[in-house]
């Protein structure tokens, strides 16, 4: 019973941080959520960052190795991609994806960004 309450509390915190317009919430979500050992927390955090749909939050889930679309967990990566595809306004995400394809030093991150960019262009 305690585990369900903890998960509900964590979910509420992540959702609250995702809705909060304060730019400092991005670094909190990145530091605590995207670095969690628990896939479900990383997944919720990545979705919250995408929903913010601003350059700083999108960079976290697109341009960083091991986070968001580059997470080692396919569940986290696919959830992030699905959230990106569901954005009403994809323009900021497309800019970050293009910048990542052109400028990121990690080939795997560039390849993932290129693939997601192609998916978003078709959606």
C-alpha atoms as a PDB file:
ATOM      1  CA  UNK A   1       0.000   0.000   0.000  1.00  0.00           C
ATOM      2  CA  UNK A   2       2.840   2.394   0.810  1.00  0.00           C
ATOM      3  CA  UNK A   3       4.385   1.863  -2.633  1.00  0.00           C
ATOM      4  CA  UNK A   4       1.203   3.010  -4.391  1.00  0.00           C
ATOM      5  CA  UNK A   5       1.050   6.107  -2.207  1.00  0.00           C
ATOM      6  CA  UNK A   6       4.694   6.928  -2.923  1.00  0.00           C
ATOM      7  CA  UNK A   7       4.177   6.517  -6.677  1.00  0.00           C
ATOM      8  CA  UNK A   8       1.066   8.722  -6.510  1.00  0.00           C
ATOM      9  CA  UNK A   9       2.973  11.380  -4.547  1.00  0.00           C
ATOM     10  CA  UNK A  10       5.903  11.290  -6.984  1.00  0.00           C
ATOM     11  CA  UNK A  11       3.492  11.497  -9.912  1.00  0.00           C
ATOM     12  CA  UNK A  12       1.805  14.543  -8.374  1.00  0.00           C
ATOM     13  CA  UNK A  13       5.173  16.257  -7.786  1.00  0.00           C
ATOM     14  CA  UNK A  14       6.368  15.615 -11.335  1.00  0.00           C
ATOM     15  CA  UNK A  15       3.069  16.781 -12.832  1.00  0.00           C
ATOM     16  CA  UNK A  16       3.133  19.883 -10.629  1.00  0.00           C
ATOM     17  CA  UNK A  17       6.664  20.735 -11.678  1.00  0.00           C
ATOM     18  CA  UNK A  18       5.678  20.158 -15.294  1.00  0.00           C
ATOM     19  CA  UNK A  19       2.812  22.633 -15.021  1.00  0.00           C
ATOM     20  CA  UNK A  20       4.805  25.243 -13.106  1.00  0.00           C
ATOM     21  CA  UNK A  21       6.027  28.025 -15.452  1.00  0.00           C
ATOM     22  CA  UNK A  22       9.088  28.785 -13.298  1.00  0.00           C
ATOM     23  CA  UNK A  23      12.216  28.009 -15.410  1.00  0.00           C
ATOM     24  CA  UNK A  24      13.940  26.525 -12.341  1.00  0.00           C
ATOM     25  CA  UNK A  25      11.550  23.573 -12.505  1.00  0.00           C
ATOM     26  CA  UNK A  26      13.373  22.351 -15.617  1.00  0.00           C
ATOM     27  CA  UNK A  27      16.629  21.864 -13.739  1.00  0.00           C
ATOM     28  CA  UNK A  28      14.794  20.154 -10.871  1.00  0.00           C
ATOM     29  CA  UNK A  29      13.090  17.752 -13.271  1.00  0.00           C
ATOM     30  CA  UNK A  30      16.388  17.109 -15.030  1.00  0.00           C
ATOM     31  CA  UNK A  31      18.474  16.637 -11.890  1.00  0.00           C
ATOM     32  CA  UNK A  32      16.012  14.499  -9.966  1.00  0.00           C
ATOM     33  CA  UNK A  33      13.647  12.933 -12.495  1.00  0.00           C
ATOM     34  CA  UNK A  34      15.731  12.169 -15.571  1.00  0.00           C
ATOM     35  CA  UNK A  35      18.544  10.784 -13.419  1.00  0.00           C
ATOM     36  CA  UNK A  36      16.282   8.455 -11.427  1.00  0.00           C
ATOM     37  CA  UNK A  37      17.052   4.737 -11.348  1.00  0.00           C
ATOM     38  CA  UNK A  38      13.322   4.053 -11.785  1.00  0.00           C
ATOM     39  CA  UNK A  39      12.134   3.880 -15.397  1.00  0.00           C
ATOM     40  CA  UNK A  40       8.616   5.045 -14.519  1.00  0.00           C
ATOM     41  CA  UNK A  41       9.945   8.219 -12.907  1.00  0.00           C
ATOM     42  CA  UNK A  42      12.218   8.955 -15.882  1.00  0.00           C
ATOM     43  CA  UNK A  43       9.284   8.356 -18.198  1.00  0.00           C
ATOM     44  CA  UNK A  44       6.937  10.713 -16.291  1.00  0.00           C
ATOM     45  CA  UNK A  45       9.679  13.326 -16.092  1.00  0.00           C
ATOM     46  CA  UNK A  46      10.457  13.199 -19.805  1.00  0.00           C
ATOM     47  CA  UNK A  47       6.767  13.585 -20.640  1.00  0.00           C
ATOM     48  CA  UNK A  48       6.472  16.569 -18.274  1.00  0.00           C
ATOM     49  CA  UNK A  49       9.501  18.220 -19.898  1.00  0.00           C
ATOM     50  CA  UNK A  50       8.078  17.706 -23.400  1.00  0.00           C
ATOM     51  CA  UNK A  51       4.705  19.120 -22.364  1.00  0.00           C
ATOM     52  CA  UNK A  52       6.423  22.343 -21.278  1.00  0.00           C
ATOM     53  CA  UNK A  53       7.363  22.684 -24.972  1.00  0.00           C
ATOM     54  CA  UNK A  54      10.023  25.339 -24.458  1.00  0.00           C
ATOM     55  CA  UNK A  55      13.610  25.177 -25.740  1.00  0.00           C
ATOM     56  CA  UNK A  56      15.293  24.502 -22.384  1.00  0.00           C
ATOM     57  CA  UNK A  57      12.969  21.642 -21.466  1.00  0.00           C
ATOM     58  CA  UNK A  58      13.072  20.119 -24.943  1.00  0.00           C
ATOM     59  CA  UNK A  59      16.885  20.207 -25.004  1.00  0.00           C
ATOM     60  CA  UNK A  60      16.943  17.995 -21.911  1.00  0.00           C
ATOM     61  CA  UNK A  61      14.973  15.195 -23.590  1.00  0.00           C
ATOM     62  CA  UNK A  62      16.385  15.565 -27.117  1.00  0.00           C
ATOM     63  CA  UNK A  63      20.015  16.663 -26.843  1.00  0.00           C
ATOM     64  CA  UNK A  64      21.281  14.633 -23.861  1.00  0.00           C
ATOM     65  CA  UNK A  65      22.702  11.136 -23.983  1.00  0.00           C
ATOM     66  CA  UNK A  66      20.841   8.814 -21.619  1.00  0.00           C
ATOM     67  CA  UNK A  67      17.765  11.034 -21.283  1.00  0.00           C
ATOM     68  CA  UNK A  68      14.441  11.286 -23.089  1.00  0.00           C
ATOM     69  CA  UNK A  69      14.706   9.984 -26.659  1.00  0.00           C
ATOM     70  CA  UNK A  70      18.207   8.728 -25.842  1.00  0.00           C
ATOM     71  CA  UNK A  71      17.258   6.810 -22.679  1.00  0.00           C
ATOM     72  CA  UNK A  72      18.543   3.242 -22.432  1.00  0.00           C
ATOM     73  CA  UNK A  73      15.027   2.091 -21.568  1.00  0.00           C
ATOM     74  CA  UNK A  74      12.970   1.686 -24.727  1.00  0.00           C
ATOM     75  CA  UNK A  75       9.823   2.417 -22.701  1.00  0.00           C
ATOM     76  CA  UNK A  76      11.186   5.821 -21.668  1.00  0.00           C
ATOM     77  CA  UNK A  77      12.525   6.624 -25.138  1.00  0.00           C
ATOM     78  CA  UNK A  78       9.306   5.626 -26.925  1.00  0.00           C
ATOM     79  CA  UNK A  79       7.130   7.443 -24.404  1.00  0.00           C
ATOM     80  CA  UNK A  80       9.176  10.600 -24.976  1.00  0.00           C
ATOM     81  CA  UNK A  81       8.909  10.216 -28.746  1.00  0.00           C
ATOM     82  CA  UNK A  82       5.143   9.697 -28.517  1.00  0.00           C
ATOM     83  CA  UNK A  83       4.829  12.821 -26.377  1.00  0.00           C
ATOM     84  CA  UNK A  84       6.837  14.802 -28.940  1.00  0.00           C
ATOM     85  CA  UNK A  85       4.624  13.500 -31.750  1.00  0.00           C
ATOM     86  CA  UNK A  86       1.493  14.548 -29.854  1.00  0.00           C
ATOM     87  CA  UNK A  87       2.567  18.190 -29.461  1.00  0.00           C
ATOM     88  CA  UNK A  88       0.159  20.633 -31.080  1.00  0.00           C
ATOM     89  CA  UNK A  89       2.979  23.050 -31.910  1.00  0.00           C
ATOM     90  CA  UNK A  90       6.023  21.083 -33.008  1.00  0.00           C
ATOM     91  CA  UNK A  91       8.091  24.078 -34.144  1.00  0.00           C
ATOM     92  CA  UNK A  92      10.300  24.363 -31.029  1.00  0.00           C
ATOM     93  CA  UNK A  93      10.918  20.616 -30.939  1.00  0.00           C
ATOM     94  CA  UNK A  94      11.830  20.612 -34.634  1.00  0.00           C
ATOM     95  CA  UNK A  95      14.352  23.416 -34.033  1.00  0.00           C
ATOM     96  CA  UNK A  96      15.976  21.490 -31.175  1.00  0.00           C
ATOM     97  CA  UNK A  97      16.023  18.289 -33.242  1.00  0.00           C
ATOM     98  CA  UNK A  98      17.642  20.089 -36.193  1.00  0.00           C
ATOM     99  CA  UNK A  99      20.232  21.710 -33.941  1.00  0.00           C
ATOM    100  CA  UNK A 100      20.995  18.336 -32.342  1.00  0.00           C
ATOM    101  CA  UNK A 101      21.397  16.668 -35.747  1.00  0.00           C
ATOM    102  CA  UNK A 102      23.792  19.405 -36.867  1.00  0.00           C
ATOM    103  CA  UNK A 103      25.781  20.086 -33.702  1.00  0.00           C
ATOM    104  CA  UNK A 104      25.748  17.251 -31.165  1.00  0.00           C
ATOM    105  CA  UNK A 105      29.111  15.530 -30.801  1.00  0.00           C
ATOM    106  CA  UNK A 106      27.605  12.085 -30.094  1.00  0.00           C
ATOM    107  CA  UNK A 107      26.722  10.102 -33.220  1.00  0.00           C
ATOM    108  CA  UNK A 108      24.018   8.035 -31.483  1.00  0.00           C
ATOM    109  CA  UNK A 109      22.285  11.184 -30.177  1.00  0.00           C
ATOM    110  CA  UNK A 110      22.443  12.721 -33.673  1.00  0.00           C
ATOM    111  CA  UNK A 111      20.991   9.541 -35.224  1.00  0.00           C
ATOM    112  CA  UNK A 112      18.131   9.412 -32.706  1.00  0.00           C
ATOM    113  CA  UNK A 113      17.345  13.083 -33.289  1.00  0.00           C
ATOM    114  CA  UNK A 114      17.396  12.535 -37.058  1.00  0.00           C
ATOM    115  CA  UNK A 115      14.939   9.622 -36.745  1.00  0.00           C
ATOM    116  CA  UNK A 116      12.562  11.521 -34.460  1.00  0.00           C
ATOM    117  CA  UNK A 117      12.741  14.563 -36.718  1.00  0.00           C
ATOM    118  CA  UNK A 118      11.693  12.407 -39.678  1.00  0.00           C
ATOM    119  CA  UNK A 119       8.781  10.965 -37.677  1.00  0.00           C
ATOM    120  CA  UNK A 120       7.650  14.427 -36.614  1.00  0.00           C
ATOM    121  CA  UNK A 121       7.823  15.713 -40.171  1.00  0.00           C
ATOM    122  CA  UNK A 122       5.400  12.953 -41.188  1.00  0.00           C
ATOM    123  CA  UNK A 123       2.955  13.549 -38.341  1.00  0.00           C
END
